[in-house]
């Protein structure tokens, strides 16, 4: 697989996992880098699901703040890229592991063992979502690659993404899993 294909799949995974959590994916981009840095860059712009945040904030999570839910969801979405990279045999995880570590550190109150546990729990959820939605990831990636091949760049916007993906597999279950994991984390932290 070439760099364009790997980057397209990586970004498609972020977009699909965001959709699984009920986020709006505003756009997804794949473009060739400039001559100083050959290869491809990708980016996904999403808007968090307000219902997920509200559900967690109202789910008797004690001292937990809505920001904890945002960070947990961000961690699940961030895991999508590295999980896809490894599935495709690519070990470059770009900047995602830094985002995951930052979110885990925030959620754990900077307790290393707890941060690792949060990261692994969210990775397990993200892995399941990638597996259940692989056909969506491949479809979105292939469309990104087709238009990037002709002009060096591709941007798919929200309506196109929704038309391409339809409804991801088990989005309500994914939302419930994030809330459940946060409730457990908050009980342990109390």
Protein backbone atom coordinates (compact mmCIF):
# COMPACT_ATOMS: atom_id res chain seq x y z
CA UNK A 1 0.00 0.00 0.00
CA UNK A 2 1.37 3.43 -0.87
CA UNK A 3 1.42 6.55 1.33
CA UNK A 4 -1.73 8.00 -0.23
CA UNK A 5 -3.70 4.80 0.43
CA UNK A 6 -2.41 4.51 4.00
CA UNK A 7 -3.23 8.14 4.80
CA UNK A 8 -6.68 7.85 3.21
CA UNK A 9 -7.50 4.79 5.33
CA UNK A 10 -6.07 6.43 8.47
CA UNK A 11 -8.23 9.55 8.05
CA UNK A 12 -11.28 7.55 6.98
CA UNK A 13 -11.01 5.58 10.24
CA UNK A 14 -11.03 8.80 12.27
CA UNK A 15 -14.12 9.98 10.37
CA UNK A 16 -15.99 6.68 10.71
CA UNK A 17 -15.29 6.37 14.45
CA UNK A 18 -16.41 9.96 14.96
CA UNK A 19 -19.65 9.08 13.17
CA UNK A 20 -20.01 5.95 15.34
CA UNK A 21 -20.03 8.24 18.38
CA UNK A 22 -22.66 10.43 16.75
CA UNK A 23 -20.31 13.29 15.92
CA UNK A 24 -20.88 15.36 12.81
CA UNK A 25 -17.95 14.97 10.44
CA UNK A 26 -17.78 18.38 8.79
CA UNK A 27 -15.12 17.39 6.27
CA UNK A 28 -12.28 15.00 5.62
CA UNK A 29 -9.24 16.02 3.59
CA UNK A 30 -6.42 14.20 1.85
CA UNK A 31 -3.77 16.20 0.03
CA UNK A 32 -0.28 15.86 -1.30
CA UNK A 33 2.35 17.59 0.79
CA UNK A 34 4.63 20.20 -0.70
CA UNK A 35 7.93 19.42 -2.39
CA UNK A 36 9.89 19.84 0.85
CA UNK A 37 7.87 17.05 2.52
CA UNK A 38 6.80 14.38 0.05
CA UNK A 39 3.87 12.16 0.93
CA UNK A 40 0.30 12.86 1.94
CA UNK A 41 -1.41 14.71 4.75
CA UNK A 42 -4.90 14.12 6.01
CA UNK A 43 -7.26 15.90 8.33
CA UNK A 44 -10.74 15.30 9.73
CA UNK A 45 -12.86 18.12 11.12
CA UNK A 46 -15.62 16.98 13.46
CA UNK A 47 -18.19 18.50 15.78
CA UNK A 48 -18.72 16.54 19.03
CA UNK A 49 -22.07 14.89 19.63
CA UNK A 50 -23.92 17.08 22.16
CA UNK A 51 -26.21 14.17 23.11
CA UNK A 52 -23.22 12.04 24.12
CA UNK A 53 -21.88 14.84 26.30
CA UNK A 54 -25.30 15.53 27.83
CA UNK A 55 -25.95 11.82 28.44
CA UNK A 56 -22.66 11.41 30.30
CA UNK A 57 -23.15 14.59 32.29
CA UNK A 58 -26.62 13.45 33.38
CA UNK A 59 -25.70 9.82 34.06
CA UNK A 60 -24.84 10.20 37.75
CA UNK A 61 -21.15 10.41 37.11
CA UNK A 62 -20.51 12.28 40.33
CA UNK A 63 -17.64 14.72 40.15
CA UNK A 64 -16.97 13.98 36.49
CA UNK A 65 -17.19 16.95 34.19
CA UNK A 66 -18.49 17.10 30.64
CA UNK A 67 -14.89 17.71 29.55
CA UNK A 68 -14.06 14.15 30.62
CA UNK A 69 -16.62 12.81 28.15
CA UNK A 70 -15.23 15.00 25.38
CA UNK A 71 -11.72 13.73 26.07
CA UNK A 72 -12.81 10.08 26.19
CA UNK A 73 -14.63 10.43 22.87
CA UNK A 74 -11.60 12.21 21.40
CA UNK A 75 -9.45 9.29 22.55
CA UNK A 76 -11.71 6.71 20.84
CA UNK A 77 -11.64 8.70 17.58
CA UNK A 78 -7.87 9.21 17.82
CA UNK A 79 -7.30 5.45 18.25
CA UNK A 80 -9.01 4.82 14.89
CA UNK A 81 -5.99 5.97 12.88
CA UNK A 82 -3.27 3.91 14.63
CA UNK A 83 -5.47 0.80 14.75
CA UNK A 84 -6.06 1.11 11.02
CA UNK A 85 -2.36 1.77 10.37
CA UNK A 86 -1.40 -1.43 12.19
CA UNK A 87 -4.13 -3.41 10.44
CA UNK A 88 -2.60 -2.31 7.12
CA UNK A 89 0.96 -3.02 8.23
CA UNK A 90 2.00 0.63 8.69
CA UNK A 91 3.64 1.53 11.97
CA UNK A 92 3.49 5.31 11.53
CA UNK A 93 0.86 6.62 13.90
CA UNK A 94 1.33 10.29 13.10
CA UNK A 95 0.30 12.58 15.98
CA UNK A 96 -2.50 10.43 17.33
CA UNK A 97 -0.60 8.75 20.14
CA UNK A 98 0.26 12.18 21.57
CA UNK A 99 -3.46 13.09 21.58
CA UNK A 100 -4.33 9.76 23.20
CA UNK A 101 -1.69 10.20 25.90
CA UNK A 102 -2.82 13.76 26.62
CA UNK A 103 -6.47 12.68 26.97
CA UNK A 104 -5.57 9.68 29.15
CA UNK A 105 -3.40 11.87 31.36
CA UNK A 106 -6.27 14.35 31.76
CA UNK A 107 -8.79 11.61 32.58
CA UNK A 108 -6.49 9.94 35.11
CA UNK A 109 -5.46 13.09 36.93
CA UNK A 110 -1.91 12.32 35.81
CA UNK A 111 -1.78 8.87 37.46
CA UNK A 112 0.27 6.76 35.06
CA UNK A 113 -1.27 3.32 35.73
CA UNK A 114 -4.79 4.74 35.50
CA UNK A 115 -3.95 6.65 32.31
CA UNK A 116 -2.69 3.46 30.70
CA UNK A 117 -5.87 1.65 31.74
CA UNK A 118 -8.06 4.41 30.23
CA UNK A 119 -6.06 4.36 27.01
CA UNK A 120 -6.35 0.57 26.72
CA UNK A 121 -10.09 0.59 27.46
CA UNK A 122 -10.71 3.19 24.77
CA UNK A 123 -8.40 1.30 22.39
CA UNK A 124 -10.50 -1.85 22.88
CA UNK A 125 -13.67 0.07 22.05
CA UNK A 126 -12.04 1.72 19.03
CA UNK A 127 -10.72 -1.65 17.80
CA UNK A 128 -14.21 -3.11 17.91
CA UNK A 129 -15.61 -0.11 16.04
CA UNK A 130 -12.90 -0.32 13.36
CA UNK A 131 -13.61 -4.04 12.88
CA UNK A 132 -17.39 -3.56 12.74
CA UNK A 133 -17.11 -0.64 10.32
CA UNK A 134 -14.17 -1.70 8.15
CA UNK A 135 -16.34 -1.68 5.02
CA UNK A 136 -17.22 1.98 5.71
CA UNK A 137 -13.55 2.86 6.25
CA UNK A 138 -12.54 1.20 2.97
CA UNK A 139 -15.33 2.89 1.03
CA UNK A 140 -14.55 6.35 2.35
CA UNK A 141 -10.80 5.84 1.83
CA UNK A 142 -11.29 4.71 -1.77
CA UNK A 143 -13.33 7.80 -2.60
CA UNK A 144 -10.69 10.04 -1.04
CA UNK A 145 -7.98 8.29 -3.07
CA UNK A 146 -9.84 8.57 -6.36
CA UNK A 147 -10.23 12.32 -6.19
CA UNK A 148 -6.74 12.84 -4.72
CA UNK A 149 -5.25 10.84 -7.59
CA UNK A 150 -6.65 13.21 -10.20
CA UNK A 151 -5.75 16.54 -8.61
CA UNK A 152 -3.46 15.80 -5.66
CA UNK A 153 -6.08 16.71 -3.09
CA UNK A 154 -9.50 15.59 -1.97
CA UNK A 155 -12.05 17.10 0.37
CA UNK A 156 -15.31 15.35 1.20
CA UNK A 157 -17.90 17.46 3.00
CA UNK A 158 -20.53 16.50 5.55
CA UNK A 159 -23.40 15.71 3.17
CA UNK A 160 -21.13 13.61 0.94
CA UNK A 161 -19.78 11.74 3.94
CA UNK A 162 -23.26 11.03 5.28
CA UNK A 163 -24.41 9.84 1.84
CA UNK A 164 -21.36 7.58 1.51
CA UNK A 165 -21.45 6.11 5.00
CA UNK A 166 -25.11 5.96 5.82
CA UNK A 167 -25.34 4.89 9.44
CA UNK A 168 -22.26 3.28 11.00
CA UNK A 169 -22.64 -0.03 12.81
CA UNK A 170 -23.88 0.22 16.39
CA UNK A 171 -23.52 3.97 16.97
CA UNK A 172 -25.79 3.92 20.03
CA UNK A 173 -23.87 1.02 21.53
CA UNK A 174 -20.59 2.90 21.03
CA UNK A 175 -22.03 5.97 22.74
CA UNK A 176 -23.29 3.83 25.62
CA UNK A 177 -19.87 2.16 25.92
CA UNK A 178 -18.09 5.52 26.23
CA UNK A 179 -20.56 6.64 28.90
CA UNK A 180 -20.21 3.30 30.76
CA UNK A 181 -16.40 3.48 30.68
CA UNK A 182 -16.53 7.02 32.03
CA UNK A 183 -18.94 6.06 34.80
CA UNK A 184 -16.54 3.29 35.85
CA UNK A 185 -13.61 5.68 35.70
CA UNK A 186 -15.38 8.24 37.82
CA UNK A 187 -16.38 5.66 40.45
CA UNK A 188 -12.77 4.46 40.64
CA UNK A 189 -11.50 8.04 40.93
CA UNK A 190 -13.92 8.88 43.75
